[in-house]
Protein backbone atom coordinates (compact mmCIF):
# COMPACT_ATOMS: atom_id res chain seq x y z
CA MET A 1 -55.46 89.28 79.69
CA GLY A 2 -57.39 86.17 80.36
CA LEU A 3 -56.70 83.58 83.03
CA ASP A 4 -54.61 81.37 80.69
CA THR A 5 -52.28 84.18 79.74
CA VAL A 6 -51.95 85.38 83.32
CA GLU A 7 -50.98 81.83 84.32
CA LEU A 8 -48.53 81.63 81.43
CA VAL A 9 -46.88 84.87 82.53
CA MET A 10 -46.67 83.59 86.11
CA TRP A 11 -45.02 80.42 84.85
CA VAL A 12 -42.52 82.49 82.81
CA GLU A 13 -41.62 84.56 85.86
CA GLU A 14 -41.14 81.51 88.04
CA GLU A 15 -39.38 79.36 85.44
CA PHE A 16 -36.89 82.01 84.36
CA GLY A 17 -36.58 84.13 87.51
CA ILE A 18 -37.72 87.33 85.82
CA THR A 19 -40.53 89.83 86.20
CA VAL A 20 -42.89 90.66 83.34
CA SER A 21 -44.87 93.85 83.67
CA ASP A 22 -48.51 94.07 82.64
CA ASP A 23 -47.48 96.49 79.89
CA GLU A 24 -44.91 94.01 78.54
CA ALA A 25 -47.41 91.13 78.71
CA SER A 26 -50.08 93.14 76.93
CA VAL A 27 -47.89 93.60 73.84
CA THR A 28 -46.63 90.01 73.74
CA TYR A 29 -48.76 88.48 71.04
CA THR A 30 -46.83 85.56 69.58
CA VAL A 31 -44.82 82.64 70.91
CA GLY A 32 -41.79 84.30 69.30
CA ASP A 33 -42.54 87.58 71.10
CA LEU A 34 -42.69 85.71 74.39
CA ALA A 35 -39.43 83.85 73.73
CA GLU A 36 -37.69 87.11 72.74
CA LEU A 37 -39.00 88.91 75.84
CA ILE A 38 -37.73 86.12 78.08
CA ALA A 39 -34.30 86.19 76.37
CA GLN A 40 -34.04 89.97 76.75
CA LYS A 41 -35.01 89.89 80.42
CA VAL A 42 -32.71 86.96 81.27
CA ASN A 43 -29.85 88.70 79.46
CA ALA A 44 -30.40 91.94 81.34
CA GLN A 45 -30.85 90.31 84.74
CA TYR A 46 -28.27 87.55 84.59
CA GLY A 47 -25.71 88.79 82.07
CA LYS A 48 -26.47 86.00 79.64
CA SER A 49 -26.43 86.18 75.84
CA TRP A 50 -29.57 84.22 75.04
CA THR A 51 -31.55 84.42 71.85
CA TYR A 52 -35.20 83.46 71.59
CA ALA A 53 -34.05 79.90 70.85
CA GLU A 54 -33.03 79.19 74.46
CA PRO A 55 -36.47 79.60 76.10
CA LEU A 56 -38.49 78.41 73.10
CA PRO A 57 -38.43 74.65 73.80
CA ARG A 58 -39.65 75.19 77.36
CA ILE A 59 -42.43 77.47 76.15
CA ILE A 60 -43.53 74.86 73.61
CA ASP A 61 -43.44 72.13 76.26
CA ILE A 62 -45.61 74.10 78.72
CA LEU A 63 -48.14 74.95 76.00
CA VAL A 64 -48.42 71.29 75.05
CA LYS A 65 -48.38 69.84 78.56
CA ASP A 66 -50.44 72.34 80.53
CA TYR A 67 -52.67 73.95 77.88
CA GLY A 68 -53.22 70.99 75.54
CA VAL A 69 -52.02 72.78 72.42
CA LYS A 70 -50.92 70.37 69.68
CA ARG A 71 -47.17 70.73 69.15
CA GLU A 72 -47.53 71.03 65.38
CA ARG A 73 -49.66 74.16 65.82
CA ILE A 74 -46.87 75.99 67.69
CA ASN A 75 -44.23 78.10 65.98
CA THR A 76 -42.72 81.50 66.62
CA ALA A 77 -45.46 83.22 64.59
CA SER A 78 -48.31 81.49 66.45
CA ARG A 79 -50.46 84.07 68.19
CA ILE A 80 -50.96 82.97 71.80
CA VAL A 81 -54.62 83.97 71.99
CA ASP A 82 -55.84 83.91 68.38
CA ASP A 83 -54.01 80.83 67.06
CA LEU A 84 -53.46 78.72 70.14
CA GLY A 85 -56.74 79.48 71.90
CA LEU A 86 -55.43 80.73 75.23
CA GLU A 87 -57.60 83.33 76.89
């Protein structure tokens, strides 16, 4: 994982109050994967019933605001490293 993805994982952990292991992060390739992982972790930890749709807007916002990714390039199939250019 590059610095960008490490920072993104740290943001996820802080923003959603969850812990993401290195193994989980290493197999999270797309924006949709990340949103689904967050939903699963929040559901398990807090007894919620989230789908990927709940965290997705916040993920998109952080990618646009902090990483300069153009909003129109981001969808659930966008690969975080290959398509969006994060390291």
